[in-house]
């Protein structure tokens, strides 16, 4: 009834800080695994994290095109995460009918 498998998912995230971009990417792991398996997940355990790309984007904003310049930064990251999952396949559960 309980099955274990290893899958690889690619997730991406953007944020105003490095931690925010990583957190946004890691929060996409569970929905990505749910889409690919379609089973009920009991445990998701990351085994390996590979950085595909990580970018820092800098833009300079100016008031009235000349005054008070300030620099804004944003970060984006794309990760390949290998996860070990333990799941229950609902199709293999024998349900009784009434």
C-alpha atoms as a PDB file:
ATOM      1  CA  UNK A   1       0.000   0.000   0.000  1.00  0.00           C
ATOM      2  CA  UNK A   2       2.772   2.417   0.926  1.00  0.00           C
ATOM      3  CA  UNK A   3       5.213   3.116  -1.910  1.00  0.00           C
ATOM      4  CA  UNK A   4       8.523   4.916  -2.086  1.00  0.00           C
ATOM      5  CA  UNK A   5      10.046   6.549  -5.143  1.00  0.00           C
ATOM      6  CA  UNK A   6      12.597   9.162  -6.139  1.00  0.00           C
ATOM      7  CA  UNK A   7      11.703  11.953  -8.565  1.00  0.00           C
ATOM      8  CA  UNK A   8      13.305  15.148  -9.804  1.00  0.00           C
ATOM      9  CA  UNK A   9      11.396  18.445  -9.999  1.00  0.00           C
ATOM     10  CA  UNK A  10      12.377  21.861 -11.346  1.00  0.00           C
ATOM     11  CA  UNK A  11      11.155  24.873  -9.379  1.00  0.00           C
ATOM     12  CA  UNK A  12      11.652  28.621  -9.724  1.00  0.00           C
ATOM     13  CA  UNK A  13      11.230  31.560  -7.381  1.00  0.00           C
ATOM     14  CA  UNK A  14      11.607  35.325  -7.300  1.00  0.00           C
ATOM     15  CA  UNK A  15      12.001  37.683  -4.381  1.00  0.00           C
ATOM     16  CA  UNK A  16      13.387  40.962  -3.127  1.00  0.00           C
ATOM     17  CA  UNK A  17      16.035  39.123  -1.074  1.00  0.00           C
ATOM     18  CA  UNK A  18      18.090  35.979  -1.654  1.00  0.00           C
ATOM     19  CA  UNK A  19      16.263  34.196   1.149  1.00  0.00           C
ATOM     20  CA  UNK A  20      12.920  35.274  -0.283  1.00  0.00           C
ATOM     21  CA  UNK A  21      13.767  33.878  -3.717  1.00  0.00           C
ATOM     22  CA  UNK A  22      14.890  30.544  -2.238  1.00  0.00           C
ATOM     23  CA  UNK A  23      11.802  30.330  -0.028  1.00  0.00           C
ATOM     24  CA  UNK A  24       9.549  31.036  -3.010  1.00  0.00           C
ATOM     25  CA  UNK A  25      11.244  28.281  -5.012  1.00  0.00           C
ATOM     26  CA  UNK A  26      11.144  25.738  -2.193  1.00  0.00           C
ATOM     27  CA  UNK A  27       7.465  26.403  -1.559  1.00  0.00           C
ATOM     28  CA  UNK A  28       6.782  25.112  -5.081  1.00  0.00           C
ATOM     29  CA  UNK A  29       8.208  21.625  -4.394  1.00  0.00           C
ATOM     30  CA  UNK A  30       5.046  20.090  -2.915  1.00  0.00           C
ATOM     31  CA  UNK A  31       2.661  21.341  -5.649  1.00  0.00           C
ATOM     32  CA  UNK A  32       5.080  20.130  -8.332  1.00  0.00           C
ATOM     33  CA  UNK A  33       5.311  16.670  -6.784  1.00  0.00           C
ATOM     34  CA  UNK A  34       1.518  16.506  -6.374  1.00  0.00           C
ATOM     35  CA  UNK A  35       1.020  17.302 -10.086  1.00  0.00           C
ATOM     36  CA  UNK A  36       3.480  14.675 -11.244  1.00  0.00           C
ATOM     37  CA  UNK A  37       2.297  11.779  -9.038  1.00  0.00           C
ATOM     38  CA  UNK A  38      -1.412  12.223  -8.356  1.00  0.00           C
ATOM     39  CA  UNK A  39      -1.094  10.161  -5.165  1.00  0.00           C
ATOM     40  CA  UNK A  40      -1.540  11.019  -1.489  1.00  0.00           C
ATOM     41  CA  UNK A  41       1.847  12.103  -0.145  1.00  0.00           C
ATOM     42  CA  UNK A  42       2.988  11.048   3.297  1.00  0.00           C
ATOM     43  CA  UNK A  43       6.532  12.408   3.197  1.00  0.00           C
ATOM     44  CA  UNK A  44       8.667  14.535   0.894  1.00  0.00           C
ATOM     45  CA  UNK A  45      12.379  14.454   1.673  1.00  0.00           C
ATOM     46  CA  UNK A  46      14.854  16.449  -0.426  1.00  0.00           C
ATOM     47  CA  UNK A  47      17.955  14.457  -1.285  1.00  0.00           C
ATOM     48  CA  UNK A  48      19.876  16.812  -3.565  1.00  0.00           C
ATOM     49  CA  UNK A  49      19.504  20.455  -4.628  1.00  0.00           C
ATOM     50  CA  UNK A  50      21.179  21.702  -7.812  1.00  0.00           C
ATOM     51  CA  UNK A  51      21.179  25.368  -8.792  1.00  0.00           C
ATOM     52  CA  UNK A  52      20.310  25.727 -12.477  1.00  0.00           C
ATOM     53  CA  UNK A  53      20.442  29.512 -12.518  1.00  0.00           C
ATOM     54  CA  UNK A  54      20.611  32.324  -9.997  1.00  0.00           C
ATOM     55  CA  UNK A  55      20.317  35.966 -11.039  1.00  0.00           C
ATOM     56  CA  UNK A  56      20.498  39.320  -9.312  1.00  0.00           C
ATOM     57  CA  UNK A  57      18.671  42.079 -11.161  1.00  0.00           C
ATOM     58  CA  UNK A  58      19.636  45.681 -10.343  1.00  0.00           C
ATOM     59  CA  UNK A  59      17.597  48.656 -11.469  1.00  0.00           C
ATOM     60  CA  UNK A  60      18.120  52.330 -10.724  1.00  0.00           C
ATOM     61  CA  UNK A  61      15.046  54.451 -10.082  1.00  0.00           C
ATOM     62  CA  UNK A  62      15.176  58.231 -10.249  1.00  0.00           C
ATOM     63  CA  UNK A  63      12.604  60.819  -9.266  1.00  0.00           C
ATOM     64  CA  UNK A  64      11.707  62.934 -12.326  1.00  0.00           C
ATOM     65  CA  UNK A  65      14.406  61.069 -14.282  1.00  0.00           C
ATOM     66  CA  UNK A  66      17.244  62.946 -12.518  1.00  0.00           C
ATOM     67  CA  UNK A  67      16.742  63.344  -8.768  1.00  0.00           C
ATOM     68  CA  UNK A  68      17.192  60.993  -5.828  1.00  0.00           C
ATOM     69  CA  UNK A  69      18.531  57.870  -7.552  1.00  0.00           C
ATOM     70  CA  UNK A  70      18.126  54.625  -5.661  1.00  0.00           C
ATOM     71  CA  UNK A  71      19.089  51.123  -6.538  1.00  0.00           C
ATOM     72  CA  UNK A  72      16.564  48.287  -6.298  1.00  0.00           C
ATOM     73  CA  UNK A  73      17.549  44.645  -6.355  1.00  0.00           C
ATOM     74  CA  UNK A  74      15.537  41.545  -7.047  1.00  0.00           C
ATOM     75  CA  UNK A  75      16.650  37.938  -7.166  1.00  0.00           C
ATOM     76  CA  UNK A  76      15.480  34.910  -9.125  1.00  0.00           C
ATOM     77  CA  UNK A  77      16.560  31.310  -8.792  1.00  0.00           C
ATOM     78  CA  UNK A  78      15.826  28.057 -10.644  1.00  0.00           C
ATOM     79  CA  UNK A  79      16.510  24.790  -8.799  1.00  0.00           C
ATOM     80  CA  UNK A  80      16.521  21.096  -9.729  1.00  0.00           C
ATOM     81  CA  UNK A  81      15.561  19.169  -6.594  1.00  0.00           C
ATOM     82  CA  UNK A  82      15.757  15.405  -6.262  1.00  0.00           C
ATOM     83  CA  UNK A  83      13.212  14.264  -3.682  1.00  0.00           C
ATOM     84  CA  UNK A  84      12.398  10.948  -2.095  1.00  0.00           C
ATOM     85  CA  UNK A  85       8.666  10.564  -1.593  1.00  0.00           C
ATOM     86  CA  UNK A  86       6.558   8.113   0.358  1.00  0.00           C
ATOM     87  CA  UNK A  87       3.020   7.946  -0.955  1.00  0.00           C
ATOM     88  CA  UNK A  88      -0.205   5.996  -0.892  1.00  0.00           C
ATOM     89  CA  UNK A  89      -1.868   5.294  -4.222  1.00  0.00           C
ATOM     90  CA  UNK A  90      -5.641   5.661  -3.727  1.00  0.00           C
ATOM     91  CA  UNK A  91      -6.314   3.395  -6.714  1.00  0.00           C
ATOM     92  CA  UNK A  92      -4.813   0.423  -4.853  1.00  0.00           C
ATOM     93  CA  UNK A  93      -7.082   0.758  -1.807  1.00  0.00           C
ATOM     94  CA  UNK A  94     -10.006  -1.689  -1.941  1.00  0.00           C
ATOM     95  CA  UNK A  95     -13.151   0.274  -1.092  1.00  0.00           C
ATOM     96  CA  UNK A  96     -16.328  -1.591  -0.261  1.00  0.00           C
ATOM     97  CA  UNK A  97     -19.625  -0.535  -1.780  1.00  0.00           C
ATOM     98  CA  UNK A  98     -22.965  -0.231   0.001  1.00  0.00           C
END
